[in-house]
Amino acid sequence: MKIIKPYKLEKGDTIGIFTPSSPAYKANEELFVNGVKNIEALGFKVKLGSLTQNRSSQGYRSGTPRERANEFMELIEDSEVKCLISTIGGMNSNSMIPYLDFDLIREKRKIICGYSDVTSLHLSILKYSGLSTFYGPAIMTWFGEYPNGIEESIDSFLQASMNTDNSPREIKPFSRWSNHFRDWSNGDWKNIPREWSKNDGWRVLNAGKAEAEIVIANLNTLISSAGTNYFPDLSGKILLIEEMAAPWSKEERSLTQLKLIGVFDQIAGLIMGKPEMPNSEGAPFDLNDLLMEIVGQRDYPIISEFDCSHTIPMHTIAQRVSVKIVANDDFDVRFEIKESFVE
């Protein structure tokens, strides 16, 4: 199926909010509302999906699989809504898949943005709709960051969703990054200033060049799609994987699973994002060492500590767009987007 791009977003357009898994607004209503306000402050209108409007919750999920799919499809069908952004991730977006109308999703060609567990929607929409979706920020993370959202993440999203120029453009590491955890339950999230670290850039683990389409996925959610019809065709693609919780034991298992099903023999390049919660579990080696132990030396570029992940800021990158990587050594990486993400 030919991959198509969504239609561009313009100021004054309406953005629809859907909650495909975790009802995180129950954990912090103020943070959710702040995310909505920050989107409105950018010049957009906001329309909450039916579950989201009602702050629906069934504990770990916002509603039944069919209810969550209905919320999503109502926003797809709504002629006012030009873009859909998830409230947050969770664990169970994949249970929506049987109830989605993929033909209609392709017909409407709307921007669909989210990350983490939303990977299930990215992959299934790619497979069954052929629509390029956006691996990018969610309402609570990072539009909701107090007080005005994460500026760099928002700027990247706006560039991704509004720019139709097909000229190649380079994206670069942000000057700073953070994985500072601040409690949502006691006000720390707005009362304690975020701690930032200097961003050294993207580390070259294996030098090389590649120009190919990119597929972006949360690692553990990608693993959960193995054996399904919507597991992506990664032959000749650049694969970008990222993780939230990353104990080394879990990373070894997931990465080995990709190795055993042949992914690392098929791809044209490999990128790993910065993990939000790394945990060596006492191992005398770092995550880069572990990655290379499993993947081994290849004839394609391998880079790590990329800024499209659970850490902030994050770049917004569209699925299956053409990119070019030139990885030399140390932190000498050039990452070029070869086309626009929207039409």
C-alpha atoms as a PDB file:
ATOM      1  CA  MET A   1       0.000   0.000   0.000  1.00  0.00           C
ATOM      2  CA  LYS A   2       1.308   3.438  -0.943  1.00  0.00           C
ATOM      3  CA  ILE A   3       2.112   5.546   2.116  1.00  0.00           C
ATOM      4  CA  ILE A   4       0.290   8.874   2.145  1.00  0.00           C
ATOM      5  CA  LYS A   5       0.905  11.971   4.246  1.00  0.00           C
ATOM      6  CA  PRO A   6      -1.696  13.729   6.396  1.00  0.00           C
ATOM      7  CA  TYR A   7      -2.966  17.177   5.526  1.00  0.00           C
ATOM      8  CA  LYS A   8      -1.139  20.055   7.193  1.00  0.00           C
ATOM      9  CA  LEU A   9      -2.280  21.869  10.312  1.00  0.00           C
ATOM     10  CA  GLU A  10      -2.968  25.615  10.295  1.00  0.00           C
ATOM     11  CA  LYS A  11      -3.456  28.113  13.091  1.00  0.00           C
ATOM     12  CA  GLY A  12      -7.125  28.258  14.016  1.00  0.00           C
ATOM     13  CA  ASP A  13      -7.648  24.570  13.247  1.00  0.00           C
ATOM     14  CA  THR A  14      -9.215  22.235  15.785  1.00  0.00           C
ATOM     15  CA  ILE A  15      -7.122  19.556  17.498  1.00  0.00           C
ATOM     16  CA  GLY A  16      -8.973  16.547  18.882  1.00  0.00           C
ATOM     17  CA  ILE A  17      -7.810  14.857  22.090  1.00  0.00           C
ATOM     18  CA  PHE A  18      -8.268  11.106  22.527  1.00  0.00           C
ATOM     19  CA  THR A  19      -7.350   8.801  25.394  1.00  0.00           C
ATOM     20  CA  PRO A  20      -6.397   5.417  23.929  1.00  0.00           C
ATOM     21  CA  SER A  21      -5.250   3.729  27.115  1.00  0.00           C
ATOM     22  CA  SER A  22      -4.357   5.255  30.492  1.00  0.00           C
ATOM     23  CA  PRO A  23      -6.869   7.785  31.931  1.00  0.00           C
ATOM     24  CA  ALA A  24      -3.989   9.884  33.221  1.00  0.00           C
ATOM     25  CA  TYR A  25      -6.241  12.915  33.694  1.00  0.00           C
ATOM     26  CA  LYS A  26      -7.439  11.077  36.824  1.00  0.00           C
ATOM     27  CA  ALA A  27      -3.887  11.164  38.169  1.00  0.00           C
ATOM     28  CA  ASN A  28      -3.473  14.888  37.517  1.00  0.00           C
ATOM     29  CA  GLU A  29      -6.420  16.872  36.194  1.00  0.00           C
ATOM     30  CA  GLU A  30      -4.540  20.159  36.477  1.00  0.00           C
ATOM     31  CA  LEU A  31      -1.687  18.919  34.293  1.00  0.00           C
ATOM     32  CA  PHE A  32      -4.160  17.713  31.673  1.00  0.00           C
ATOM     33  CA  VAL A  33      -6.004  21.036  31.640  1.00  0.00           C
ATOM     34  CA  ASN A  34      -2.689  22.880  31.407  1.00  0.00           C
ATOM     35  CA  GLY A  35      -1.837  20.893  28.266  1.00  0.00           C
ATOM     36  CA  VAL A  36      -5.132  21.854  26.684  1.00  0.00           C
ATOM     37  CA  LYS A  37      -4.617  25.517  27.608  1.00  0.00           C
ATOM     38  CA  ASN A  38      -1.126  25.503  26.132  1.00  0.00           C
ATOM     39  CA  ILE A  39      -2.420  24.162  22.811  1.00  0.00           C
ATOM     40  CA  GLU A  40      -5.101  26.850  22.763  1.00  0.00           C
ATOM     41  CA  ALA A  41      -2.441  29.464  23.524  1.00  0.00           C
ATOM     42  CA  LEU A  42      -0.645  28.369  20.334  1.00  0.00           C
ATOM     43  CA  GLY A  43      -3.675  29.475  18.331  1.00  0.00           C
ATOM     44  CA  PHE A  44      -5.584  26.209  17.973  1.00  0.00           C
ATOM     45  CA  LYS A  45      -9.034  25.152  19.071  1.00  0.00           C
ATOM     46  CA  VAL A  46      -9.425  21.985  21.112  1.00  0.00           C
ATOM     47  CA  LYS A  47     -12.156  19.355  21.011  1.00  0.00           C
ATOM     48  CA  LEU A  48     -12.099  16.597  23.606  1.00  0.00           C
ATOM     49  CA  GLY A  49     -13.131  13.114  22.589  1.00  0.00           C
ATOM     50  CA  SER A  50     -16.173  11.614  24.280  1.00  0.00           C
ATOM     51  CA  LEU A  51     -14.266   9.570  26.883  1.00  0.00           C
ATOM     52  CA  THR A  52     -11.818  12.381  27.485  1.00  0.00           C
ATOM     53  CA  GLN A  53     -14.560  14.984  27.888  1.00  0.00           C
ATOM     54  CA  ASN A  54     -16.211  12.835  30.549  1.00  0.00           C
ATOM     55  CA  ARG A  55     -12.865  11.946  32.176  1.00  0.00           C
ATOM     56  CA  SER A  56     -13.910   8.337  31.773  1.00  0.00           C
ATOM     57  CA  SER A  57     -11.963   5.708  33.708  1.00  0.00           C
ATOM     58  CA  GLN A  58     -11.976   1.965  34.214  1.00  0.00           C
ATOM     59  CA  GLY A  59      -8.938   1.983  36.466  1.00  0.00           C
ATOM     60  CA  TYR A  60      -5.990   1.322  34.167  1.00  0.00           C
ATOM     61  CA  ARG A  61      -7.881   2.237  30.997  1.00  0.00           C
ATOM     62  CA  SER A  62     -10.239   4.964  29.843  1.00  0.00           C
ATOM     63  CA  GLY A  63     -12.941   2.610  28.552  1.00  0.00           C
ATOM     64  CA  THR A  64     -13.624  -0.642  26.789  1.00  0.00           C
ATOM     65  CA  PRO A  65     -11.719  -1.331  23.558  1.00  0.00           C
ATOM     66  CA  ARG A  66     -14.784  -0.478  21.506  1.00  0.00           C
ATOM     67  CA  GLU A  67     -15.466   2.729  23.453  1.00  0.00           C
ATOM     68  CA  ARG A  68     -11.893   3.893  22.974  1.00  0.00           C
ATOM     69  CA  ALA A  69     -12.038   3.077  19.270  1.00  0.00           C
ATOM     70  CA  ASN A  70     -15.363   4.921  18.985  1.00  0.00           C
ATOM     71  CA  GLU A  71     -13.870   8.015  20.598  1.00  0.00           C
ATOM     72  CA  PHE A  72     -10.987   7.900  18.135  1.00  0.00           C
ATOM     73  CA  MET A  73     -13.192   7.360  15.083  1.00  0.00           C
ATOM     74  CA  GLU A  74     -15.625  10.104  16.107  1.00  0.00           C
ATOM     75  CA  LEU A  75     -12.704  12.551  15.987  1.00  0.00           C
ATOM     76  CA  ILE A  76     -11.568  11.110  12.648  1.00  0.00           C
ATOM     77  CA  GLU A  77     -15.071  11.633  11.222  1.00  0.00           C
ATOM     78  CA  ASP A  78     -15.518  15.121  12.721  1.00  0.00           C
ATOM     79  CA  SER A  79     -15.013  17.602   9.863  1.00  0.00           C
ATOM     80  CA  GLU A  80     -13.827  20.313  12.273  1.00  0.00           C
ATOM     81  CA  VAL A  81     -10.977  18.223  13.683  1.00  0.00           C
ATOM     82  CA  LYS A  82      -7.753  18.390  11.641  1.00  0.00           C
ATOM     83  CA  CYS A  83      -5.352  16.665  14.036  1.00  0.00           C
ATOM     84  CA  LEU A  84      -5.579  14.068  16.811  1.00  0.00           C
ATOM     85  CA  ILE A  85      -3.237  14.040  19.814  1.00  0.00           C
ATOM     86  CA  SER A  86      -3.300  11.449  22.576  1.00  0.00           C
ATOM     87  CA  THR A  87      -3.736  12.352  26.238  1.00  0.00           C
ATOM     88  CA  ILE A  88      -0.834  10.051  27.137  1.00  0.00           C
ATOM     89  CA  GLY A  89       0.212   6.437  26.525  1.00  0.00           C
ATOM     90  CA  GLY A  90      -0.442   3.476  28.795  1.00  0.00           C
ATOM     91  CA  MET A  91      -0.501  -0.251  28.098  1.00  0.00           C
ATOM     92  CA  ASN A  92      -3.520  -1.175  26.007  1.00  0.00           C
ATOM     93  CA  SER A  93      -3.924   0.897  22.838  1.00  0.00           C
ATOM     94  CA  ASN A  94      -3.621  -2.335  20.849  1.00  0.00           C
ATOM     95  CA  SER A  95      -7.033  -3.529  22.062  1.00  0.00           C
ATOM     96  CA  MET A  96      -8.635  -0.756  19.967  1.00  0.00           C
ATOM     97  CA  ILE A  97      -7.274  -2.141  16.698  1.00  0.00           C
ATOM     98  CA  PRO A  98     -10.120  -4.565  15.795  1.00  0.00           C
ATOM     99  CA  TYR A  99     -12.664  -1.746  16.057  1.00  0.00           C
ATOM    100  CA  LEU A 100     -10.963   0.938  13.937  1.00  0.00           C
ATOM    101  CA  ASP A 101     -12.120   1.872  10.425  1.00  0.00           C
ATOM    102  CA  PHE A 102      -8.796   1.961   8.613  1.00  0.00           C
ATOM    103  CA  ASP A 103     -10.324   2.878   5.248  1.00  0.00           C
ATOM    104  CA  LEU A 104     -11.873   5.981   6.781  1.00  0.00           C
ATOM    105  CA  ILE A 105      -8.614   6.851   8.545  1.00  0.00           C
ATOM    106  CA  ARG A 106      -6.868   6.769   5.170  1.00  0.00           C
ATOM    107  CA  GLU A 107      -9.617   8.814   3.525  1.00  0.00           C
ATOM    108  CA  LYS A 108      -9.571  11.607   6.132  1.00  0.00           C
ATOM    109  CA  ARG A 109      -5.740  11.906   6.235  1.00  0.00           C
ATOM    110  CA  LYS A 110      -5.543  13.646   9.589  1.00  0.00           C
ATOM    111  CA  ILE A 111      -2.405  14.135  11.666  1.00  0.00           C
ATOM    112  CA  ILE A 112      -2.302  11.551  14.459  1.00  0.00           C
ATOM    113  CA  CYS A 113       0.283  12.197  17.160  1.00  0.00           C
ATOM    114  CA  GLY A 114       1.432  10.326  20.241  1.00  0.00           C
ATOM    115  CA  TYR A 115       4.216   8.104  21.498  1.00  0.00           C
ATOM    116  CA  SER A 116       4.988   5.158  23.769  1.00  0.00           C
ATOM    117  CA  ASP A 117       1.998   2.762  23.881  1.00  0.00           C
ATOM    118  CA  VAL A 118       0.467   4.681  20.959  1.00  0.00           C
ATOM    119  CA  THR A 119       3.040   2.720  18.927  1.00  0.00           C
ATOM    120  CA  SER A 120       0.290   0.097  18.499  1.00  0.00           C
ATOM    121  CA  LEU A 121      -1.826   2.659  16.659  1.00  0.00           C
ATOM    122  CA  HIS A 122       1.120   3.933  14.620  1.00  0.00           C
ATOM    123  CA  LEU A 123       1.956   0.439  13.397  1.00  0.00           C
ATOM    124  CA  SER A 124      -1.603  -0.707  12.703  1.00  0.00           C
ATOM    125  CA  ILE A 125      -2.506   2.523  10.883  1.00  0.00           C
ATOM    126  CA  LEU A 126       0.675   2.223   8.805  1.00  0.00           C
ATOM    127  CA  LYS A 127      -0.216  -1.360   7.899  1.00  0.00           C
ATOM    128  CA  TYR A 128      -3.936  -1.094   7.271  1.00  0.00           C
ATOM    129  CA  SER A 129      -4.390   2.588   6.312  1.00  0.00           C
ATOM    130  CA  GLY A 130      -1.039   3.435   4.775  1.00  0.00           C
ATOM    131  CA  LEU A 131      -1.137   6.789   6.560  1.00  0.00           C
ATOM    132  CA  SER A 132       2.032   8.288   7.972  1.00  0.00           C
ATOM    133  CA  THR A 133       1.492   9.211  11.637  1.00  0.00           C
ATOM    134  CA  PHE A 134       3.586  11.308  14.031  1.00  0.00           C
ATOM    135  CA  TYR A 135       5.745   9.939  16.812  1.00  0.00           C
ATOM    136  CA  GLY A 136       5.592  13.025  18.989  1.00  0.00           C
ATOM    137  CA  PRO A 137       4.383  14.586  22.243  1.00  0.00           C
ATOM    138  CA  ALA A 138       1.135  13.907  24.088  1.00  0.00           C
ATOM    139  CA  ILE A 139      -1.155  16.379  25.842  1.00  0.00           C
ATOM    140  CA  MET A 140       0.148  15.695  29.339  1.00  0.00           C
ATOM    141  CA  THR A 141       3.670  14.954  28.159  1.00  0.00           C
ATOM    142  CA  TRP A 142       4.852  17.424  26.955  1.00  0.00           C
ATOM    143  CA  PHE A 143       2.248  20.054  26.114  1.00  0.00           C
ATOM    144  CA  GLY A 144       1.178  19.957  29.764  1.00  0.00           C
ATOM    145  CA  GLU A 145       4.588  20.705  31.293  1.00  0.00           C
ATOM    146  CA  TYR A 146       4.151  23.587  33.727  1.00  0.00           C
ATOM    147  CA  PRO A 147       3.697  26.379  32.892  1.00  0.00           C
ATOM    148  CA  ASN A 148       3.914  26.603  29.083  1.00  0.00           C
ATOM    149  CA  GLY A 149       4.886  23.137  27.871  1.00  0.00           C
ATOM    150  CA  ILE A 150       8.311  22.033  26.672  1.00  0.00           C
ATOM    151  CA  GLU A 151       9.189  24.735  24.159  1.00  0.00           C
ATOM    152  CA  GLU A 152      11.595  22.667  22.056  1.00  0.00           C
ATOM    153  CA  SER A 153       9.147  19.754  21.794  1.00  0.00           C
ATOM    154  CA  ILE A 154       6.311  22.076  20.813  1.00  0.00           C
ATOM    155  CA  ASP A 155       8.445  23.837  18.191  1.00  0.00           C
ATOM    156  CA  SER A 156       9.371  20.470  16.665  1.00  0.00           C
ATOM    157  CA  PHE A 157       5.709  19.408  16.556  1.00  0.00           C
ATOM    158  CA  LEU A 158       4.678  22.665  14.873  1.00  0.00           C
ATOM    159  CA  GLN A 159       7.449  22.312  12.294  1.00  0.00           C
ATOM    160  CA  ALA A 160       6.362  18.735  11.622  1.00  0.00           C
ATOM    161  CA  SER A 161       2.659  19.502  11.319  1.00  0.00           C
ATOM    162  CA  MET A 162       2.655  22.826   9.458  1.00  0.00           C
ATOM    163  CA  ASN A 163       5.635  22.825   7.078  1.00  0.00           C
ATOM    164  CA  THR A 164       4.940  21.507   3.560  1.00  0.00           C
ATOM    165  CA  ASP A 165       8.371  22.388   2.154  1.00  0.00           C
ATOM    166  CA  ASN A 166       9.913  19.226   0.708  1.00  0.00           C
ATOM    167  CA  SER A 167      13.443  20.610   0.842  1.00  0.00           C
ATOM    168  CA  PRO A 168      15.829  18.525   2.966  1.00  0.00           C
ATOM    169  CA  ARG A 169      16.332  19.834   6.502  1.00  0.00           C
ATOM    170  CA  GLU A 170      18.681  18.792   9.244  1.00  0.00           C
ATOM    171  CA  ILE A 171      17.508  18.131  12.771  1.00  0.00           C
ATOM    172  CA  LYS A 172      20.049  18.395  15.538  1.00  0.00           C
ATOM    173  CA  PRO A 173      20.427  17.379  19.164  1.00  0.00           C
ATOM    174  CA  PHE A 174      18.822  19.780  21.609  1.00  0.00           C
ATOM    175  CA  SER A 175      21.251  21.768  23.737  1.00  0.00           C
ATOM    176  CA  ARG A 176      19.767  20.331  26.931  1.00  0.00           C
ATOM    177  CA  TRP A 177      17.838  17.274  28.045  1.00  0.00           C
ATOM    178  CA  SER A 178      16.060  15.971  31.141  1.00  0.00           C
ATOM    179  CA  ASN A 179      14.562  12.834  32.645  1.00  0.00           C
ATOM    180  CA  HIS A 180      13.938  14.508  36.005  1.00  0.00           C
ATOM    181  CA  PHE A 181      11.014  12.774  37.733  1.00  0.00           C
ATOM    182  CA  ARG A 182       8.718  15.074  39.703  1.00  0.00           C
ATOM    183  CA  ASP A 183       5.742  13.694  41.613  1.00  0.00           C
ATOM    184  CA  TRP A 184       2.321  14.380  40.064  1.00  0.00           C
ATOM    185  CA  SER A 185       0.449  13.769  43.309  1.00  0.00           C
ATOM    186  CA  ASN A 186       1.866  16.482  45.576  1.00  0.00           C
ATOM    187  CA  GLY A 187       2.498  19.523  43.384  1.00  0.00           C
ATOM    188  CA  ASP A 188       6.194  18.783  42.779  1.00  0.00           C
ATOM    189  CA  TRP A 189       5.511  18.797  39.024  1.00  0.00           C
ATOM    190  CA  LYS A 190       4.923  22.556  39.126  1.00  0.00           C
ATOM    191  CA  ASN A 191       6.646  23.653  42.332  1.00  0.00           C
ATOM    192  CA  ILE A 192      10.075  22.098  41.823  1.00  0.00           C
ATOM    193  CA  PRO A 193      12.045  23.460  38.842  1.00  0.00           C
ATOM    194  CA  ARG A 194      12.980  20.827  36.282  1.00  0.00           C
ATOM    195  CA  GLU A 195      16.614  19.739  36.393  1.00  0.00           C
ATOM    196  CA  TRP A 196      18.389  19.861  33.045  1.00  0.00           C
ATOM    197  CA  SER A 197      21.614  18.303  31.801  1.00  0.00           C
ATOM    198  CA  LYS A 198      23.876  19.350  28.950  1.00  0.00           C
ATOM    199  CA  ASN A 199      23.115  17.292  25.870  1.00  0.00           C
ATOM    200  CA  ASP A 200      26.324  15.788  24.470  1.00  0.00           C
ATOM    201  CA  GLY A 201      24.491  14.731  21.322  1.00  0.00           C
ATOM    202  CA  TRP A 202      23.882  11.426  19.595  1.00  0.00           C
ATOM    203  CA  ARG A 203      26.503   8.741  20.097  1.00  0.00           C
ATOM    204  CA  VAL A 204      27.897   6.761  17.184  1.00  0.00           C
ATOM    205  CA  LEU A 205      28.135   3.059  18.052  1.00  0.00           C
ATOM    206  CA  ASN A 206      28.788   1.899  14.500  1.00  0.00           C
ATOM    207  CA  ALA A 207      29.845   4.300  11.756  1.00  0.00           C
ATOM    208  CA  GLY A 208      28.105   4.330   8.420  1.00  0.00           C
ATOM    209  CA  LYS A 209      25.670   6.040   6.065  1.00  0.00           C
ATOM    210  CA  ALA A 210      22.052   5.255   5.283  1.00  0.00           C
ATOM    211  CA  GLU A 211      19.225   6.857   3.361  1.00  0.00           C
ATOM    212  CA  ALA A 212      15.890   5.119   3.801  1.00  0.00           C
ATOM    213  CA  GLU A 213      12.409   5.380   5.260  1.00  0.00           C
ATOM    214  CA  ILE A 214      12.249   5.456   9.059  1.00  0.00           C
ATOM    215  CA  VAL A 215       9.989   3.538  11.442  1.00  0.00           C
ATOM    216  CA  ILE A 216       9.757   4.765  15.051  1.00  0.00           C
ATOM    217  CA  ALA A 217       8.540   2.535  17.878  1.00  0.00           C
ATOM    218  CA  ASN A 218       8.514   2.103  21.609  1.00  0.00           C
ATOM    219  CA  LEU A 219      10.563  -1.061  22.060  1.00  0.00           C
ATOM    220  CA  ASN A 220       8.351  -3.051  24.408  1.00  0.00           C
ATOM    221  CA  THR A 221       5.217  -2.117  22.433  1.00  0.00           C
ATOM    222  CA  LEU A 222       6.941  -3.147  19.212  1.00  0.00           C
ATOM    223  CA  ILE A 223       7.739  -6.516  20.795  1.00  0.00           C
ATOM    224  CA  SER A 224       4.063  -6.944  21.736  1.00  0.00           C
ATOM    225  CA  SER A 225       3.166  -6.654  18.033  1.00  0.00           C
ATOM    226  CA  ALA A 226       5.488  -9.495  16.977  1.00  0.00           C
ATOM    227  CA  GLY A 227       3.501 -12.279  15.342  1.00  0.00           C
ATOM    228  CA  THR A 228       0.640  -9.959  14.350  1.00  0.00           C
ATOM    229  CA  ASN A 229      -0.248  -8.829  10.850  1.00  0.00           C
ATOM    230  CA  TYR A 230       0.606  -5.252  11.753  1.00  0.00           C
ATOM    231  CA  PHE A 231       4.213  -5.901  12.786  1.00  0.00           C
ATOM    232  CA  PRO A 232       6.041  -3.498  10.455  1.00  0.00           C
ATOM    233  CA  ASP A 233       7.927  -4.454   7.338  1.00  0.00           C
ATOM    234  CA  LEU A 234      11.397  -3.310   8.371  1.00  0.00           C
ATOM    235  CA  SER A 235      13.308  -4.545   5.336  1.00  0.00           C
ATOM    236  CA  GLY A 236      15.566  -1.734   4.142  1.00  0.00           C
ATOM    237  CA  LYS A 237      14.192   0.668   6.772  1.00  0.00           C
ATOM    238  CA  ILE A 238      15.915   2.684   9.467  1.00  0.00           C
ATOM    239  CA  LEU A 239      14.516   1.577  12.831  1.00  0.00           C
ATOM    240  CA  LEU A 240      14.284   4.028  15.738  1.00  0.00           C
ATOM    241  CA  ILE A 241      13.479   2.359  19.068  1.00  0.00           C
ATOM    242  CA  GLU A 242      13.012   3.973  22.466  1.00  0.00           C
ATOM    243  CA  GLU A 243      12.016   2.934  25.957  1.00  0.00           C
ATOM    244  CA  MET A 244      10.586   4.383  29.168  1.00  0.00           C
ATOM    245  CA  ALA A 245      11.569   1.894  31.877  1.00  0.00           C
ATOM    246  CA  ALA A 246      14.826   0.252  30.818  1.00  0.00           C
ATOM    247  CA  PRO A 247      16.268  -2.287  33.250  1.00  0.00           C
ATOM    248  CA  TRP A 248      19.108  -3.986  31.437  1.00  0.00           C
ATOM    249  CA  SER A 249      17.543  -7.445  31.862  1.00  0.00           C
ATOM    250  CA  LYS A 250      14.377  -6.323  30.086  1.00  0.00           C
ATOM    251  CA  GLU A 251      16.346  -4.567  27.366  1.00  0.00           C
ATOM    252  CA  GLU A 252      18.415  -7.686  26.724  1.00  0.00           C
ATOM    253  CA  ARG A 253      15.270  -9.765  26.359  1.00  0.00           C
ATOM    254  CA  SER A 254      13.523  -7.323  24.006  1.00  0.00           C
ATOM    255  CA  LEU A 255      16.565  -6.627  21.852  1.00  0.00           C
ATOM    256  CA  THR A 256      17.355 -10.332  21.630  1.00  0.00           C
ATOM    257  CA  GLN A 257      13.783 -10.974  20.499  1.00  0.00           C
ATOM    258  CA  LEU A 258      14.301  -8.532  17.624  1.00  0.00           C
ATOM    259  CA  LYS A 259      17.562 -10.277  16.786  1.00  0.00           C
ATOM    260  CA  LEU A 260      15.992 -13.743  16.807  1.00  0.00           C
ATOM    261  CA  ILE A 261      13.183 -12.736  14.469  1.00  0.00           C
ATOM    262  CA  GLY A 262      15.726 -11.309  12.051  1.00  0.00           C
ATOM    263  CA  VAL A 263      15.093  -7.582  12.394  1.00  0.00           C
ATOM    264  CA  PHE A 264      18.765  -6.599  12.681  1.00  0.00           C
ATOM    265  CA  ASP A 265      19.529  -8.528   9.485  1.00  0.00           C
ATOM    266  CA  GLN A 266      16.859  -6.626   7.544  1.00  0.00           C
ATOM    267  CA  ILE A 267      17.240  -2.979   8.504  1.00  0.00           C
ATOM    268  CA  ALA A 268      19.371  -0.257   6.915  1.00  0.00           C
ATOM    269  CA  GLY A 269      20.145   1.621  10.133  1.00  0.00           C
ATOM    270  CA  LEU A 270      19.435   1.523  13.863  1.00  0.00           C
ATOM    271  CA  ILE A 271      18.764   4.345  16.316  1.00  0.00           C
ATOM    272  CA  MET A 272      18.067   4.062  20.035  1.00  0.00           C
ATOM    273  CA  GLY A 273      16.555   6.949  21.959  1.00  0.00           C
ATOM    274  CA  LYS A 274      17.520   8.070  25.439  1.00  0.00           C
ATOM    275  CA  PRO A 275      15.739   5.860  28.017  1.00  0.00           C
ATOM    276  CA  GLU A 276      13.798   7.735  30.684  1.00  0.00           C
ATOM    277  CA  MET A 277      14.500   5.288  33.498  1.00  0.00           C
ATOM    278  CA  PRO A 278      17.741   3.391  32.827  1.00  0.00           C
ATOM    279  CA  ASN A 279      18.690   0.714  35.354  1.00  0.00           C
ATOM    280  CA  SER A 280      21.880  -1.305  34.991  1.00  0.00           C
ATOM    281  CA  GLU A 281      20.708  -3.709  37.729  1.00  0.00           C
ATOM    282  CA  GLY A 282      24.318  -3.981  38.903  1.00  0.00           C
ATOM    283  CA  ALA A 283      25.754  -4.866  35.499  1.00  0.00           C
ATOM    284  CA  PRO A 284      29.333  -3.644  34.839  1.00  0.00           C
ATOM    285  CA  PHE A 285      28.417  -2.371  31.342  1.00  0.00           C
ATOM    286  CA  ASP A 286      26.181   0.360  29.953  1.00  0.00           C
ATOM    287  CA  LEU A 287      23.199   0.160  27.622  1.00  0.00           C
ATOM    288  CA  ASN A 288      25.306   0.963  24.573  1.00  0.00           C
ATOM    289  CA  ASP A 289      27.557  -1.988  25.373  1.00  0.00           C
ATOM    290  CA  LEU A 290      24.529  -4.231  25.712  1.00  0.00           C
ATOM    291  CA  LEU A 291      23.023  -3.023  22.452  1.00  0.00           C
ATOM    292  CA  MET A 292      26.220  -3.735  20.521  1.00  0.00           C
ATOM    293  CA  GLU A 293      26.674  -7.099  22.224  1.00  0.00           C
ATOM    294  CA  ILE A 294      23.293  -8.159  20.856  1.00  0.00           C
ATOM    295  CA  VAL A 295      23.273  -6.440  17.477  1.00  0.00           C
ATOM    296  CA  GLY A 296      26.982  -6.909  16.712  1.00  0.00           C
ATOM    297  CA  GLN A 297      29.023  -5.052  14.122  1.00  0.00           C
ATOM    298  CA  ARG A 298      26.970  -4.253  11.055  1.00  0.00           C
ATOM    299  CA  ASP A 299      27.457  -2.523   7.728  1.00  0.00           C
ATOM    300  CA  TYR A 300      24.911   0.146   8.637  1.00  0.00           C
ATOM    301  CA  PRO A 301      24.990   3.094  11.086  1.00  0.00           C
ATOM    302  CA  ILE A 302      24.007   2.496  14.702  1.00  0.00           C
ATOM    303  CA  ILE A 303      23.510   5.522  16.938  1.00  0.00           C
ATOM    304  CA  SER A 304      22.125   5.950  20.438  1.00  0.00           C
ATOM    305  CA  GLU A 305      20.965   8.596  22.911  1.00  0.00           C
ATOM    306  CA  PHE A 306      18.688  10.115  20.274  1.00  0.00           C
ATOM    307  CA  ASP A 307      16.163  12.827  21.188  1.00  0.00           C
ATOM    308  CA  CYS A 308      12.921  11.143  20.157  1.00  0.00           C
ATOM    309  CA  SER A 309      11.976   9.252  23.271  1.00  0.00           C
ATOM    310  CA  HIS A 310      10.474   9.479  26.764  1.00  0.00           C
ATOM    311  CA  THR A 311      13.124  12.020  27.774  1.00  0.00           C
ATOM    312  CA  ILE A 312      12.676  15.662  26.931  1.00  0.00           C
ATOM    313  CA  PRO A 313      12.777  17.529  24.689  1.00  0.00           C
ATOM    314  CA  MET A 314      11.676  15.193  21.912  1.00  0.00           C
ATOM    315  CA  HIS A 315      11.695  15.644  18.179  1.00  0.00           C
ATOM    316  CA  THR A 316       8.476  14.845  16.329  1.00  0.00           C
ATOM    317  CA  ILE A 317       9.180  12.475  13.438  1.00  0.00           C
ATOM    318  CA  ALA A 318       6.687  11.062  10.960  1.00  0.00           C
ATOM    319  CA  GLN A 319       6.534   7.375  10.163  1.00  0.00           C
ATOM    320  CA  ARG A 320       7.930   6.108   6.867  1.00  0.00           C
ATOM    321  CA  VAL A 321       9.401   9.404   5.699  1.00  0.00           C
ATOM    322  CA  SER A 322      12.787   9.332   4.011  1.00  0.00           C
ATOM    323  CA  VAL A 323      15.759  10.317   6.156  1.00  0.00           C
ATOM    324  CA  LYS A 324      19.517  10.309   5.715  1.00  0.00           C
ATOM    325  CA  ILE A 325      22.015   9.455   8.437  1.00  0.00           C
ATOM    326  CA  VAL A 326      25.744  10.033   8.279  1.00  0.00           C
ATOM    327  CA  ALA A 327      27.393   8.626  11.419  1.00  0.00           C
ATOM    328  CA  ASN A 328      31.136   9.196  11.636  1.00  0.00           C
ATOM    329  CA  ASP A 329      32.506   8.726  15.143  1.00  0.00           C
ATOM    330  CA  ASP A 330      31.916   9.728  18.777  1.00  0.00           C
ATOM    331  CA  PHE A 331      29.052  12.271  18.570  1.00  0.00           C
ATOM    332  CA  ASP A 332      29.552  13.256  14.937  1.00  0.00           C
ATOM    333  CA  VAL A 333      26.130  12.530  13.434  1.00  0.00           C
ATOM    334  CA  ARG A 334      24.204  14.266  10.693  1.00  0.00           C
ATOM    335  CA  PHE A 335      20.485  13.486  10.579  1.00  0.00           C
ATOM    336  CA  GLU A 336      18.600  14.881   7.602  1.00  0.00           C
ATOM    337  CA  ILE A 337      14.874  14.766   6.879  1.00  0.00           C
ATOM    338  CA  LYS A 338      14.465  14.432   3.124  1.00  0.00           C
ATOM    339  CA  GLU A 339      10.814  15.492   2.774  1.00  0.00           C
ATOM    340  CA  SER A 340       7.912  17.204   4.491  1.00  0.00           C
ATOM    341  CA  PHE A 341       5.717  15.263   6.909  1.00  0.00           C
ATOM    342  CA  VAL A 342       2.463  16.825   5.648  1.00  0.00           C
ATOM    343  CA  GLU A 343       0.790  17.993   2.471  1.00  0.00           C
END
